[in-house]
Amino acid sequence: MATEQKHSNYLSEAESRLRQLSLEKLRVAVAIIAYLQKIEESEATEKILLNIPDFAEYFREIEKNEDKLENTASNQIASDEEVWQAYLAVEKKWEEVFLKLANS
């Protein structure tokens, strides 16, 4: 109850002070409030995510892989043709598996 009362008092004081500001200063105050709200939401999201088992470890692994990808020379990345050929090879193997299953 005491926390709710303090919250209500702060809201009343904030409203009173905001009403006394010029339009320009009110715009700045709203921007600051929006910034603080975004930080609070980010912190809440971070707490939720960090409560997921192994999330931090997986996140670090993803970041590490992104760093590796960014530092990879473009000539080391497979070309579209190489990717297409690999896809066709996999498709052919699946066709063979399906044919064997159909004939058995």
N, C-alpha and C. Protein backbone atom coordinates (compact mmCIF):
# COMPACT_ATOMS: atom_id res chain seq x y z
N MET A 1 0.82 -1.19 0.00
CA MET A 1 0.00 0.00 0.00
C MET A 1 0.87 1.25 0.00
N ALA A 2 1.93 1.25 0.80
CA ALA A 2 2.81 2.42 0.88
C ALA A 2 3.48 2.68 -0.46
N THR A 3 3.83 1.61 -1.17
CA THR A 3 4.46 1.76 -2.48
C THR A 3 3.49 2.38 -3.48
N GLU A 4 2.24 1.93 -3.44
CA GLU A 4 1.22 2.49 -4.33
C GLU A 4 1.01 3.98 -4.04
N GLN A 5 1.04 4.35 -2.78
CA GLN A 5 0.86 5.75 -2.40
C GLN A 5 2.02 6.59 -2.90
N LYS A 6 3.26 6.07 -2.74
CA LYS A 6 4.43 6.80 -3.23
C LYS A 6 4.34 6.97 -4.75
N HIS A 7 3.93 5.91 -5.42
CA HIS A 7 3.79 5.94 -6.87
C HIS A 7 2.79 7.02 -7.27
N SER A 8 1.67 7.05 -6.60
CA SER A 8 0.63 8.04 -6.88
C SER A 8 1.13 9.45 -6.61
N ASN A 9 1.88 9.62 -5.52
CA ASN A 9 2.43 10.94 -5.19
C ASN A 9 3.41 11.41 -6.27
N TYR A 10 4.27 10.50 -6.72
CA TYR A 10 5.23 10.87 -7.76
C TYR A 10 4.52 11.24 -9.06
N LEU A 11 3.48 10.48 -9.42
CA LEU A 11 2.72 10.80 -10.62
C LEU A 11 2.08 12.18 -10.52
N SER A 12 1.51 12.47 -9.36
CA SER A 12 0.89 13.78 -9.17
C SER A 12 1.91 14.90 -9.27
N GLU A 13 3.06 14.70 -8.64
CA GLU A 13 4.10 15.72 -8.69
C GLU A 13 4.61 15.90 -10.12
N ALA A 14 4.80 14.78 -10.83
CA ALA A 14 5.28 14.85 -12.22
C ALA A 14 4.27 15.60 -13.09
N GLU A 15 2.99 15.29 -12.92
CA GLU A 15 1.97 15.96 -13.72
C GLU A 15 1.96 17.46 -13.43
N SER A 16 2.06 17.81 -12.16
CA SER A 16 2.07 19.22 -11.78
C SER A 16 3.25 19.96 -12.41
N ARG A 17 4.41 19.34 -12.35
CA ARG A 17 5.60 19.97 -12.93
C ARG A 17 5.52 20.05 -14.45
N LEU A 18 5.01 18.98 -15.07
CA LEU A 18 4.89 18.96 -16.54
C LEU A 18 3.96 20.06 -17.04
N ARG A 19 2.89 20.32 -16.30
CA ARG A 19 1.92 21.35 -16.69
C ARG A 19 2.53 22.75 -16.67
N GLN A 20 3.61 22.93 -15.92
CA GLN A 20 4.23 24.25 -15.80
C GLN A 20 5.30 24.50 -16.88
N LEU A 21 5.61 23.49 -17.67
CA LEU A 21 6.66 23.63 -18.68
C LEU A 21 6.14 24.24 -19.97
N SER A 22 7.05 24.91 -20.67
CA SER A 22 6.72 25.41 -22.02
C SER A 22 6.60 24.21 -22.95
N LEU A 23 6.02 24.42 -24.11
CA LEU A 23 5.82 23.35 -25.07
C LEU A 23 7.14 22.69 -25.45
N GLU A 24 8.16 23.50 -25.66
CA GLU A 24 9.48 22.98 -26.05
C GLU A 24 10.07 22.09 -24.95
N LYS A 25 10.00 22.57 -23.71
CA LYS A 25 10.54 21.80 -22.58
C LYS A 25 9.69 20.55 -22.33
N LEU A 26 8.39 20.65 -22.56
CA LEU A 26 7.50 19.50 -22.39
C LEU A 26 7.88 18.41 -23.39
N ARG A 27 8.21 18.81 -24.62
CA ARG A 27 8.66 17.85 -25.63
C ARG A 27 9.91 17.12 -25.17
N VAL A 28 10.84 17.84 -24.59
CA VAL A 28 12.09 17.25 -24.08
C VAL A 28 11.77 16.27 -22.94
N ALA A 29 10.88 16.68 -22.05
CA ALA A 29 10.51 15.82 -20.92
C ALA A 29 9.87 14.53 -21.41
N VAL A 30 9.02 14.62 -22.40
CA VAL A 30 8.37 13.42 -22.95
C VAL A 30 9.41 12.50 -23.58
N ALA A 31 10.38 13.09 -24.27
CA ALA A 31 11.45 12.29 -24.87
C ALA A 31 12.26 11.56 -23.80
N ILE A 32 12.54 12.24 -22.70
CA ILE A 32 13.29 11.63 -21.60
C ILE A 32 12.47 10.50 -20.99
N ILE A 33 11.19 10.74 -20.78
CA ILE A 33 10.32 9.71 -20.20
C ILE A 33 10.26 8.50 -21.13
N ALA A 34 10.15 8.73 -22.43
CA ALA A 34 10.11 7.63 -23.40
C ALA A 34 11.41 6.84 -23.35
N TYR A 35 12.53 7.55 -23.23
CA TYR A 35 13.83 6.88 -23.14
C TYR A 35 13.90 6.01 -21.88
N LEU A 36 13.48 6.56 -20.76
CA LEU A 36 13.51 5.79 -19.51
C LEU A 36 12.59 4.56 -19.59
N GLN A 37 11.45 4.73 -20.22
CA GLN A 37 10.52 3.62 -20.38
C GLN A 37 11.15 2.51 -21.24
N LYS A 38 11.82 2.90 -22.31
CA LYS A 38 12.46 1.93 -23.20
C LYS A 38 13.54 1.16 -22.44
N ILE A 39 14.31 1.86 -21.62
CA ILE A 39 15.35 1.20 -20.81
C ILE A 39 14.71 0.19 -19.87
N GLU A 40 13.63 0.59 -19.22
CA GLU A 40 12.95 -0.30 -18.28
C GLU A 40 12.43 -1.55 -18.99
N GLU A 41 11.85 -1.37 -20.18
CA GLU A 41 11.36 -2.51 -20.95
C GLU A 41 12.50 -3.43 -21.36
N SER A 42 13.63 -2.84 -21.76
CA SER A 42 14.80 -3.64 -22.15
C SER A 42 15.32 -4.44 -20.98
N GLU A 43 15.38 -3.81 -19.81
CA GLU A 43 15.86 -4.51 -18.62
C GLU A 43 14.93 -5.66 -18.26
N ALA A 44 13.62 -5.44 -18.38
CA ALA A 44 12.65 -6.49 -18.08
C ALA A 44 12.81 -7.64 -19.06
N THR A 45 12.97 -7.32 -20.34
CA THR A 45 13.15 -8.37 -21.35
C THR A 45 14.43 -9.14 -21.09
N GLU A 46 15.49 -8.43 -20.74
CA GLU A 46 16.76 -9.08 -20.45
C GLU A 46 16.63 -10.04 -19.28
N LYS A 47 15.93 -9.63 -18.22
CA LYS A 47 15.74 -10.51 -17.07
C LYS A 47 14.98 -11.77 -17.46
N ILE A 48 13.95 -11.60 -18.28
CA ILE A 48 13.16 -12.75 -18.73
C ILE A 48 14.03 -13.70 -19.54
N LEU A 49 14.79 -13.15 -20.49
CA LEU A 49 15.62 -13.99 -21.34
C LEU A 49 16.71 -14.70 -20.56
N LEU A 50 17.29 -14.01 -19.59
CA LEU A 50 18.36 -14.63 -18.81
C LEU A 50 17.84 -15.72 -17.88
N ASN A 51 16.53 -15.75 -17.64
CA ASN A 51 15.95 -16.83 -16.84
C ASN A 51 15.72 -18.10 -17.65
N ILE A 52 15.84 -18.01 -18.98
CA ILE A 52 15.72 -19.19 -19.83
C ILE A 52 17.02 -19.98 -19.69
N PRO A 53 16.93 -21.27 -19.35
CA PRO A 53 18.15 -22.06 -19.17
C PRO A 53 19.07 -22.00 -20.39
N ASP A 54 20.34 -21.74 -20.16
CA ASP A 54 21.39 -21.73 -21.19
C ASP A 54 21.23 -20.62 -22.23
N PHE A 55 20.30 -19.67 -22.03
CA PHE A 55 20.10 -18.63 -23.03
C PHE A 55 21.38 -17.80 -23.23
N ALA A 56 22.00 -17.40 -22.15
CA ALA A 56 23.20 -16.55 -22.25
C ALA A 56 24.29 -17.27 -23.04
N GLU A 57 24.45 -18.56 -22.79
CA GLU A 57 25.46 -19.34 -23.51
C GLU A 57 25.14 -19.41 -25.01
N TYR A 58 23.88 -19.68 -25.35
CA TYR A 58 23.49 -19.73 -26.76
C TYR A 58 23.66 -18.37 -27.42
N PHE A 59 23.31 -17.31 -26.71
CA PHE A 59 23.44 -15.97 -27.26
C PHE A 59 24.90 -15.65 -27.56
N ARG A 60 25.80 -15.98 -26.63
CA ARG A 60 27.23 -15.74 -26.85
C ARG A 60 27.72 -16.54 -28.05
N GLU A 61 27.24 -17.77 -28.20
CA GLU A 61 27.63 -18.61 -29.33
C GLU A 61 27.19 -17.99 -30.66
N ILE A 62 25.97 -17.46 -30.68
CA ILE A 62 25.46 -16.81 -31.89
C ILE A 62 26.31 -15.58 -32.22
N GLU A 63 26.62 -14.78 -31.20
CA GLU A 63 27.45 -13.60 -31.44
C GLU A 63 28.82 -13.99 -31.98
N LYS A 64 29.40 -15.06 -31.42
CA LYS A 64 30.71 -15.52 -31.88
C LYS A 64 30.63 -15.95 -33.35
N ASN A 65 29.56 -16.66 -33.70
CA ASN A 65 29.40 -17.11 -35.09
C ASN A 65 29.20 -15.92 -36.03
N GLU A 66 28.47 -14.90 -35.58
CA GLU A 66 28.28 -13.71 -36.40
C GLU A 66 29.62 -13.01 -36.64
N ASP A 67 30.45 -12.95 -35.59
CA ASP A 67 31.76 -12.33 -35.74
C ASP A 67 32.59 -13.09 -36.76
N LYS A 68 32.53 -14.43 -36.69
CA LYS A 68 33.28 -15.24 -37.65
C LYS A 68 32.80 -14.97 -39.07
N LEU A 69 31.49 -14.90 -39.24
CA LEU A 69 30.92 -14.67 -40.56
C LEU A 69 31.32 -13.29 -41.09
N GLU A 70 31.28 -12.28 -40.23
CA GLU A 70 31.66 -10.94 -40.66
C GLU A 70 33.13 -10.87 -41.04
N ASN A 71 33.97 -11.68 -40.39
CA ASN A 71 35.41 -11.64 -40.66
C ASN A 71 35.82 -12.61 -41.76
N THR A 72 34.86 -13.30 -42.34
CA THR A 72 35.16 -14.26 -43.40
C THR A 72 35.33 -13.51 -44.72
N ALA A 73 36.39 -13.81 -45.44
CA ALA A 73 36.59 -13.18 -46.74
C ALA A 73 35.49 -13.65 -47.68
N SER A 74 35.06 -12.76 -48.57
CA SER A 74 33.94 -13.09 -49.45
C SER A 74 34.25 -14.27 -50.36
N ASN A 75 35.52 -14.51 -50.68
CA ASN A 75 35.84 -15.64 -51.55
C ASN A 75 35.74 -16.98 -50.81
N GLN A 76 35.56 -16.97 -49.51
CA GLN A 76 35.40 -18.19 -48.74
C GLN A 76 33.94 -18.57 -48.58
N ILE A 77 33.03 -17.69 -48.92
CA ILE A 77 31.61 -17.97 -48.81
C ILE A 77 31.17 -18.67 -50.08
N ALA A 78 30.39 -19.73 -49.92
CA ALA A 78 29.96 -20.52 -51.08
C ALA A 78 29.18 -19.65 -52.06
N SER A 79 29.42 -19.90 -53.34
CA SER A 79 28.68 -19.17 -54.36
C SER A 79 27.28 -19.74 -54.48
N ASP A 80 26.39 -19.02 -55.12
CA ASP A 80 25.03 -19.50 -55.33
C ASP A 80 25.03 -20.82 -56.08
N GLU A 81 25.91 -20.96 -57.05
CA GLU A 81 25.98 -22.20 -57.84
C GLU A 81 26.38 -23.38 -56.96
N GLU A 82 27.35 -23.17 -56.06
CA GLU A 82 27.77 -24.25 -55.15
C GLU A 82 26.63 -24.67 -54.24
N VAL A 83 25.90 -23.70 -53.74
CA VAL A 83 24.77 -23.99 -52.87
C VAL A 83 23.71 -24.76 -53.64
N TRP A 84 23.42 -24.33 -54.86
CA TRP A 84 22.42 -25.00 -55.69
C TRP A 84 22.82 -26.45 -55.99
N GLN A 85 24.08 -26.66 -56.31
CA GLN A 85 24.57 -28.02 -56.60
C GLN A 85 24.47 -28.91 -55.36
N ALA A 86 24.79 -28.36 -54.20
CA ALA A 86 24.67 -29.13 -52.96
C ALA A 86 23.21 -29.49 -52.70
N TYR A 87 22.33 -28.55 -52.95
CA TYR A 87 20.89 -28.80 -52.77
C TYR A 87 20.43 -29.91 -53.71
N LEU A 88 20.83 -29.86 -54.97
CA LEU A 88 20.44 -30.89 -55.94
C LEU A 88 20.97 -32.26 -55.54
N ALA A 89 22.19 -32.31 -55.01
CA ALA A 89 22.77 -33.58 -54.58
C ALA A 89 21.96 -34.17 -53.43
N VAL A 90 21.53 -33.34 -52.49
CA VAL A 90 20.72 -33.81 -51.37
C VAL A 90 19.37 -34.29 -51.87
N GLU A 91 18.76 -33.54 -52.78
CA GLU A 91 17.47 -33.94 -53.36
C GLU A 91 17.58 -35.30 -54.05
N LYS A 92 18.67 -35.51 -54.79
CA LYS A 92 18.87 -36.78 -55.48
C LYS A 92 18.97 -37.93 -54.48
N LYS A 93 19.69 -37.73 -53.40
CA LYS A 93 19.80 -38.78 -52.38
C LYS A 93 18.44 -39.09 -51.77
N TRP A 94 17.63 -38.06 -51.51
CA TRP A 94 16.29 -38.30 -50.96
C TRP A 94 15.42 -39.07 -51.95
N GLU A 95 15.56 -38.76 -53.23
CA GLU A 95 14.80 -39.50 -54.24
C GLU A 95 15.18 -40.97 -54.21
N GLU A 96 16.47 -41.25 -54.07
CA GLU A 96 16.94 -42.63 -53.99
C GLU A 96 16.35 -43.33 -52.77
N VAL A 97 16.32 -42.64 -51.65
CA VAL A 97 15.74 -43.21 -50.43
C VAL A 97 14.26 -43.50 -50.64
N PHE A 98 13.53 -42.56 -51.23
CA PHE A 98 12.10 -42.77 -51.45
C PHE A 98 11.85 -43.93 -52.41
N LEU A 99 12.68 -44.05 -53.46
CA LEU A 99 12.52 -45.16 -54.40
C LEU A 99 12.76 -46.51 -53.72
N LYS A 100 13.79 -46.57 -52.88
CA LYS A 100 14.07 -47.81 -52.14
C LYS A 100 12.91 -48.16 -51.22
N LEU A 101 12.36 -47.16 -50.56
CA LEU A 101 11.21 -47.41 -49.68
C LEU A 101 9.99 -47.88 -50.47
N ALA A 102 9.79 -47.28 -51.62
CA ALA A 102 8.63 -47.65 -52.46
C ALA A 102 8.78 -49.06 -53.00
N ASN A 103 10.00 -49.46 -53.30
CA ASN A 103 10.23 -50.79 -53.88
C ASN A 103 10.33 -51.89 -52.83
N SER A 104 10.39 -51.52 -51.57
CA SER A 104 10.53 -52.56 -50.53
C SER A 104 9.20 -53.05 -50.05
